[in-house]
Amino acid sequence: MTTHLIPKDRAHADFAATHEPALTVDPGTGDHLTFETDDTAYAQMEELRDLAKVTATINPVTGPVHVRGAEPGDALAVTIHSIETAEHGWSVYIPGAGALAGPMGEEWYVRRVPVRDGTVQLTETISCPAAPMIGCIGVASAGAAMSTVMPSYATGGNMDLTDARPGSTVLLPVEVEGALLSIGDLHAVMSRGESSFVAIEIAGRATVSVDLVKGKGLRAPRIDTGDELVCVGLGDPVQVSIDRAYEDLFAVLTDEHGYSKHDAYTVMSALAHSELGGPTGSVAPDPLHPFRAVGQVTVARIAKHLLASR
């Protein structure tokens, strides 16, 4: 097995098919790809407290990696093996951003958060176990370049899902030859739904391997956590994202695992669960309000043992 390092100096401010690949690999070899990520923008926010003065890229993604044989209509399977983080992360409030913009008001807030020995020290008296995950993971779109901040896309992007953690496999719909995988926006720990729009952001290295599922034809990402299968629904208004996540999960049961539609309906009524995903929305935001989400990311999940029971 070979490990390839993609350094943070190969980072970009978007997902785009026009970026020259940092690396080309074969799928299914088991080779490890280590993506190094950057947090310079948060250090500048601490110093400057003015977004207009921040010169570093916000939410840069490292890559892209060209996967030989990946073609439109395939799914790229990205298995996350490990995430190594720096010794401190960041809790940041950007005025006007996130669900807590009302009570937080117009004053910047930036806190360095120590992360050591698997523990995140949130305040002087409150800590929690580190639960590192990837906020931004995706492949290039056949259309225009995609933002690494907002929204989420059918080919991934800044989904901010806690399920994108070590041990999970993220399935991404391929739209361009080679897929062009990029990764960034690591978190030391994040609330499900990312209540404040910013988690405990942190620099580090994410190590993954890649494989292809030929002709999979996904319309949105999926995540296999080992215990659960998670379908991502994107849509505006929110109900559309909920419907799409449930529809895709229903199709998994009926089309891929032999359930009758009536059995699938009954099982999902009892044992399929949904929740709001990340806070980045599913439609590009109004340029005048760039941190105000439009649309929604929803996830629908079911235990994998139910898939194997048919």
Protein backbone atom coordinates (compact mmCIF):
# COMPACT_ATOMS: atom_id res chain seq x y z
CA MET A 1 0.00 0.00 0.00
CA THR A 2 1.22 3.47 -0.91
CA THR A 3 0.31 6.71 0.87
CA HIS A 4 0.18 9.89 -1.22
CA LEU A 5 0.25 13.33 0.42
CA ILE A 6 -1.68 16.15 -1.24
CA PRO A 7 -0.30 19.25 0.52
CA LYS A 8 -2.34 22.28 1.49
CA ASP A 9 -0.58 24.40 -1.12
CA ARG A 10 -2.74 22.53 -3.66
CA ALA A 11 -5.90 24.09 -2.19
CA HIS A 12 -8.61 25.94 -4.09
CA ALA A 13 -11.57 28.17 -3.31
CA ASP A 14 -13.97 26.03 -5.34
CA PHE A 15 -14.67 22.65 -6.90
CA ALA A 16 -14.08 22.97 -10.63
CA ALA A 17 -13.35 20.70 -13.56
CA THR A 18 -10.80 23.26 -14.78
CA HIS A 19 -8.35 22.68 -11.92
CA GLU A 20 -5.23 20.73 -12.85
CA PRO A 21 -5.13 17.48 -10.85
CA ALA A 22 -2.69 17.40 -7.96
CA LEU A 23 -2.50 13.61 -8.32
CA THR A 24 -3.85 10.82 -10.51
CA VAL A 25 -4.65 7.43 -8.95
CA ASP A 26 -6.22 4.10 -9.83
CA PRO A 27 -9.37 3.12 -7.92
CA GLY A 28 -9.61 0.03 -5.76
CA THR A 29 -5.89 -0.33 -5.05
CA GLY A 30 -6.19 0.42 -1.34
CA ASP A 31 -3.65 3.23 -1.67
CA HIS A 32 -4.14 5.97 0.90
CA LEU A 33 -4.57 9.61 -0.06
CA THR A 34 -3.79 12.14 2.66
CA PHE A 35 -5.31 15.59 2.15
CA GLU A 36 -3.65 18.35 4.18
CA THR A 37 -5.98 21.22 5.13
CA ASP A 38 -5.52 24.82 6.21
CA ASP A 39 -7.00 27.17 8.85
CA THR A 40 -5.21 30.42 7.99
CA ALA A 41 -8.50 32.25 7.41
CA TYR A 42 -9.53 31.71 11.05
CA ALA A 43 -6.22 33.02 12.34
CA GLN A 44 -6.78 36.15 10.24
CA MET A 45 -10.32 36.47 11.59
CA GLU A 46 -8.93 36.40 15.13
CA GLU A 47 -6.48 39.16 14.27
CA LEU A 48 -8.57 41.37 12.00
CA ARG A 49 -12.25 40.90 13.02
CA ASP A 50 -13.23 42.10 9.56
CA LEU A 51 -14.15 39.71 6.75
CA ALA A 52 -13.23 42.30 4.13
CA LYS A 53 -9.62 42.21 5.38
CA VAL A 54 -9.27 38.43 5.38
CA THR A 55 -7.03 37.49 2.46
CA ALA A 56 -6.80 33.73 3.06
CA THR A 57 -9.32 31.46 1.37
CA ILE A 58 -12.30 30.59 3.57
CA ASN A 59 -13.00 26.85 3.50
CA PRO A 60 -10.27 25.91 1.03
CA VAL A 61 -10.37 22.37 -0.38
CA THR A 62 -7.21 20.47 -1.24
CA GLY A 63 -6.88 18.63 -4.54
CA PRO A 64 -8.24 17.67 -6.89
CA VAL A 65 -7.38 14.00 -7.32
CA HIS A 66 -8.10 12.45 -10.72
CA VAL A 67 -9.38 8.87 -10.45
CA ARG A 68 -8.65 6.83 -13.57
CA GLY A 69 -11.72 5.25 -15.15
CA ALA A 70 -14.24 7.47 -13.36
CA GLU A 71 -16.95 8.50 -15.82
CA PRO A 72 -20.23 10.40 -15.63
CA GLY A 73 -22.89 8.12 -14.16
CA ASP A 74 -20.47 6.34 -11.81
CA ALA A 75 -20.21 6.86 -8.06
CA LEU A 76 -16.89 7.59 -6.38
CA ALA A 77 -16.63 5.68 -3.08
CA VAL A 78 -14.39 7.58 -0.65
CA THR A 79 -13.55 5.61 2.50
CA ILE A 80 -12.31 7.76 5.37
CA HIS A 81 -9.56 5.98 7.31
CA SER A 82 -8.27 8.62 9.71
CA ILE A 83 -8.31 12.31 10.54
CA GLU A 84 -5.35 13.90 12.34
CA THR A 85 -5.92 17.37 13.77
CA ALA A 86 -3.84 20.28 15.03
CA GLU A 87 -3.55 21.06 18.74
CA HIS A 88 -6.14 23.82 18.66
CA GLY A 89 -9.23 24.63 16.67
CA TRP A 90 -11.47 27.67 16.33
CA SER A 91 -14.92 28.70 17.47
CA VAL A 92 -15.89 31.71 15.36
CA TYR A 93 -18.97 33.88 15.03
CA ILE A 94 -19.14 35.93 11.83
CA PRO A 95 -21.78 38.64 12.29
CA GLY A 96 -24.96 37.73 10.42
CA ALA A 97 -24.06 34.07 9.89
CA GLY A 98 -26.00 31.08 11.17
CA ALA A 99 -29.07 30.37 13.26
CA LEU A 100 -27.66 32.25 16.27
CA ALA A 101 -27.09 35.53 14.43
CA GLY A 102 -30.01 37.15 16.28
CA PRO A 103 -28.79 36.62 19.84
CA MET A 104 -25.11 37.02 18.90
CA GLY A 105 -25.63 40.43 17.27
CA GLU A 106 -23.04 42.41 15.32
CA GLU A 107 -19.87 41.78 17.34
CA TRP A 108 -17.24 39.31 16.16
CA TYR A 109 -16.34 36.41 18.42
CA VAL A 110 -13.26 34.19 17.98
CA ARG A 111 -11.97 31.61 20.46
CA ARG A 112 -8.98 29.28 20.18
CA VAL A 113 -10.10 25.87 21.38
CA PRO A 114 -7.43 23.44 22.66
CA VAL A 115 -7.60 19.90 21.23
CA ARG A 116 -5.27 17.45 22.95
CA ASP A 117 -5.22 13.74 23.74
CA GLY A 118 -8.62 13.22 22.11
CA THR A 119 -10.31 15.95 24.17
CA VAL A 120 -11.75 19.28 23.02
CA GLN A 121 -11.64 21.93 25.78
CA LEU A 122 -14.67 24.06 24.89
CA THR A 123 -14.61 26.31 27.98
CA GLU A 124 -12.55 26.38 31.17
CA THR A 125 -14.92 23.82 32.73
CA ILE A 126 -16.58 22.00 29.80
CA SER A 127 -14.83 19.53 27.50
CA CYS A 128 -15.95 16.78 25.17
CA PRO A 129 -14.36 13.91 23.27
CA ALA A 130 -12.95 14.83 19.88
CA ALA A 131 -15.05 13.48 17.01
CA PRO A 132 -13.16 14.58 13.89
CA MET A 133 -15.03 14.70 10.59
CA ILE A 134 -14.83 16.19 7.11
CA GLY A 135 -17.08 19.17 6.45
CA CYS A 136 -16.27 19.67 2.78
CA ILE A 137 -15.92 16.67 0.46
CA GLY A 138 -16.93 16.55 -3.18
CA VAL A 139 -16.12 16.03 -6.83
CA ALA A 140 -16.30 18.46 -9.73
CA SER A 141 -19.59 19.32 -11.37
CA ALA A 142 -20.16 19.15 -15.11
CA GLY A 143 -21.48 22.71 -14.81
CA ALA A 144 -20.03 25.82 -13.24
CA ALA A 145 -17.48 25.88 -10.44
CA MET A 146 -19.00 25.10 -7.03
CA SER A 147 -18.52 27.13 -3.86
CA THR A 148 -16.74 25.53 -0.91
CA VAL A 149 -18.90 27.56 1.51
CA MET A 150 -22.53 27.56 0.34
CA PRO A 151 -24.57 25.67 -0.80
CA SER A 152 -24.26 21.86 -0.86
CA TYR A 153 -24.45 20.25 -4.29
CA ALA A 154 -25.50 16.97 -5.87
CA THR A 155 -21.80 16.13 -6.19
CA GLY A 156 -21.01 16.99 -2.56
CA GLY A 157 -19.34 20.14 -1.33
CA ASN A 158 -19.71 21.75 2.07
CA MET A 159 -22.29 19.26 3.39
CA ASP A 160 -21.18 19.47 7.05
CA LEU A 161 -22.45 16.01 8.00
CA THR A 162 -21.09 14.34 11.14
CA ASP A 163 -21.43 10.99 9.34
CA ALA A 164 -18.39 11.89 7.18
CA ARG A 165 -16.04 10.49 9.81
CA PRO A 166 -13.39 7.76 10.05
CA GLY A 167 -14.93 4.39 9.24
CA SER A 168 -17.48 5.82 6.84
CA THR A 169 -17.59 5.63 3.05
CA VAL A 170 -18.96 8.67 1.21
CA LEU A 171 -20.51 7.95 -2.21
CA LEU A 172 -20.39 10.89 -4.63
CA PRO A 173 -22.06 11.08 -8.06
CA VAL A 174 -19.46 11.47 -10.81
CA GLU A 175 -20.21 14.10 -13.47
CA VAL A 176 -16.81 14.58 -15.14
CA GLU A 177 -14.07 12.26 -16.30
CA GLY A 178 -11.74 11.43 -13.42
CA ALA A 179 -14.24 12.66 -10.80
CA LEU A 180 -11.72 15.23 -9.40
CA LEU A 181 -12.02 14.70 -5.65
CA SER A 182 -11.20 17.52 -3.21
CA ILE A 183 -11.39 17.61 0.59
CA GLY A 184 -11.24 20.38 3.20
CA ASP A 185 -12.95 21.99 6.20
CA LEU A 186 -12.02 19.55 8.96
CA HIS A 187 -13.77 19.78 12.33
CA ALA A 188 -12.52 18.56 15.71
CA VAL A 189 -16.15 18.13 16.76
CA MET A 190 -19.46 19.43 15.39
CA SER A 191 -23.05 19.46 16.56
CA ARG A 192 -25.39 17.59 14.20
CA GLY A 193 -26.82 20.31 11.99
CA GLU A 194 -23.96 22.69 12.92
CA SER A 195 -26.18 24.98 14.97
CA SER A 196 -23.92 28.02 14.76
CA PHE A 197 -22.86 27.59 11.09
CA VAL A 198 -19.27 27.13 12.31
CA ALA A 199 -18.10 24.02 14.17
CA ILE A 200 -14.82 23.63 16.05
CA GLU A 201 -12.88 24.30 12.86
CA ILE A 202 -9.39 22.86 12.71
CA ALA A 203 -6.45 22.23 10.41
CA GLY A 204 -5.22 18.70 9.89
CA ARG A 205 -4.90 15.75 7.56
CA ALA A 206 -7.64 13.44 6.31
CA THR A 207 -6.58 10.07 4.92
CA VAL A 208 -8.91 8.25 2.53
CA SER A 209 -8.93 5.61 -0.18
CA VAL A 210 -11.07 5.60 -3.33
CA ASP A 211 -12.97 3.08 -5.39
CA LEU A 212 -15.57 3.23 -8.16
CA VAL A 213 -19.12 1.90 -8.38
CA LYS A 214 -19.70 1.80 -12.11
CA GLY A 215 -23.07 3.03 -13.41
CA LYS A 216 -24.43 3.75 -9.93
CA GLY A 217 -26.36 6.80 -11.13
CA LEU A 218 -26.87 8.61 -7.82
CA ARG A 219 -28.71 11.93 -7.79
CA ALA A 220 -27.14 13.00 -4.46
CA PRO A 221 -24.44 11.77 -2.07
CA ARG A 222 -24.83 8.79 0.25
CA ILE A 223 -22.83 7.77 3.29
CA ASP A 224 -22.27 4.23 4.53
CA THR A 225 -21.23 4.52 8.19
CA GLY A 226 -20.83 0.78 8.64
CA ASP A 227 -23.92 0.66 10.86
CA GLU A 228 -26.27 2.86 8.84
CA LEU A 229 -26.92 3.88 5.26
CA VAL A 230 -27.55 7.61 4.96
CA CYS A 231 -29.19 9.25 1.92
CA VAL A 232 -28.76 12.99 1.37
CA GLY A 233 -31.69 15.03 0.11
CA LEU A 234 -31.25 18.51 -1.36
CA GLY A 235 -34.11 20.88 -2.08
CA ASP A 236 -35.91 24.18 -1.73
CA PRO A 237 -38.19 24.50 0.16
CA VAL A 238 -37.21 22.25 3.05
CA GLN A 239 -39.97 19.72 2.36
CA VAL A 240 -38.45 18.97 -1.05
CA SER A 241 -35.16 17.97 0.60
CA ILE A 242 -37.03 15.73 3.05
CA ASP A 243 -38.97 14.05 0.24
CA ARG A 244 -35.85 13.45 -1.85
CA ALA A 245 -33.91 11.89 1.02
CA TYR A 246 -36.80 9.53 1.81
CA GLU A 247 -37.38 8.72 -1.87
CA ASP A 248 -33.74 7.75 -2.33
CA LEU A 249 -33.82 5.56 0.76
CA PHE A 250 -37.05 3.92 -0.47
CA ALA A 251 -35.30 3.19 -3.79
CA VAL A 252 -32.40 1.59 -1.92
CA LEU A 253 -34.81 -0.84 -0.26
CA THR A 254 -36.90 -1.63 -3.34
CA ASP A 255 -34.48 -1.37 -6.28
CA GLU A 256 -31.28 -2.55 -4.60
CA HIS A 257 -32.40 -4.91 -1.84
CA GLY A 258 -35.53 -6.58 -3.16
CA TYR A 259 -38.15 -5.11 -0.85
CA SER A 260 -41.69 -4.85 -2.18
CA LYS A 261 -42.92 -1.28 -2.09
CA HIS A 262 -45.39 -2.21 0.63
CA ASP A 263 -42.73 -3.86 2.82
CA ALA A 264 -40.40 -0.90 2.26
CA TYR A 265 -43.16 1.52 3.20
CA THR A 266 -43.94 -0.28 6.44
CA VAL A 267 -40.30 -0.76 7.45
CA MET A 268 -39.47 2.87 6.77
CA SER A 269 -42.54 3.98 8.72
CA ALA A 270 -41.09 2.26 11.77
CA LEU A 271 -37.32 2.31 11.38
CA ALA A 272 -36.15 5.01 8.93
CA HIS A 273 -35.17 8.33 10.48
CA SER A 274 -34.56 11.80 9.11
CA GLU A 275 -32.96 14.96 10.38
CA LEU A 276 -31.80 18.27 9.01
CA GLY A 277 -28.25 18.07 7.70
CA GLY A 278 -25.71 20.86 7.48
CA PRO A 279 -26.67 24.55 7.48
CA THR A 280 -25.38 25.50 4.02
CA GLY A 281 -28.62 25.09 2.04
CA SER A 282 -29.16 23.62 -1.41
CA VAL A 283 -29.41 26.77 -3.56
CA ALA A 284 -26.84 29.53 -4.04
CA PRO A 285 -27.53 32.31 -1.51
CA ASP A 286 -28.39 35.90 -2.33
CA PRO A 287 -25.05 37.68 -2.94
CA LEU A 288 -26.21 40.44 -0.59
CA HIS A 289 -26.63 37.86 2.19
CA PRO A 290 -23.91 35.30 1.43
CA PHE A 291 -24.21 33.44 4.75
CA ARG A 292 -28.00 33.11 4.73
CA ALA A 293 -28.94 29.63 3.56
CA VAL A 294 -31.55 28.98 0.88
CA GLY A 295 -33.07 25.51 0.75
CA GLN A 296 -31.97 22.62 2.89
CA VAL A 297 -29.82 19.52 3.26
CA THR A 298 -31.75 16.62 4.83
CA VAL A 299 -30.54 13.12 5.65
CA ALA A 300 -32.60 9.93 5.86
CA ARG A 301 -31.00 6.95 7.56
CA ILE A 302 -31.67 3.28 8.18
CA ALA A 303 -29.75 0.52 9.96
CA LYS A 304 -27.72 -1.55 7.52
CA HIS A 305 -28.75 -4.86 9.07
CA LEU A 306 -32.23 -4.22 7.68
CA LEU A 307 -30.81 -4.15 4.17
CA ALA A 308 -29.15 -7.53 4.67
CA SER A 309 -32.31 -9.10 6.10
CA ARG A 310 -33.89 -9.53 2.65
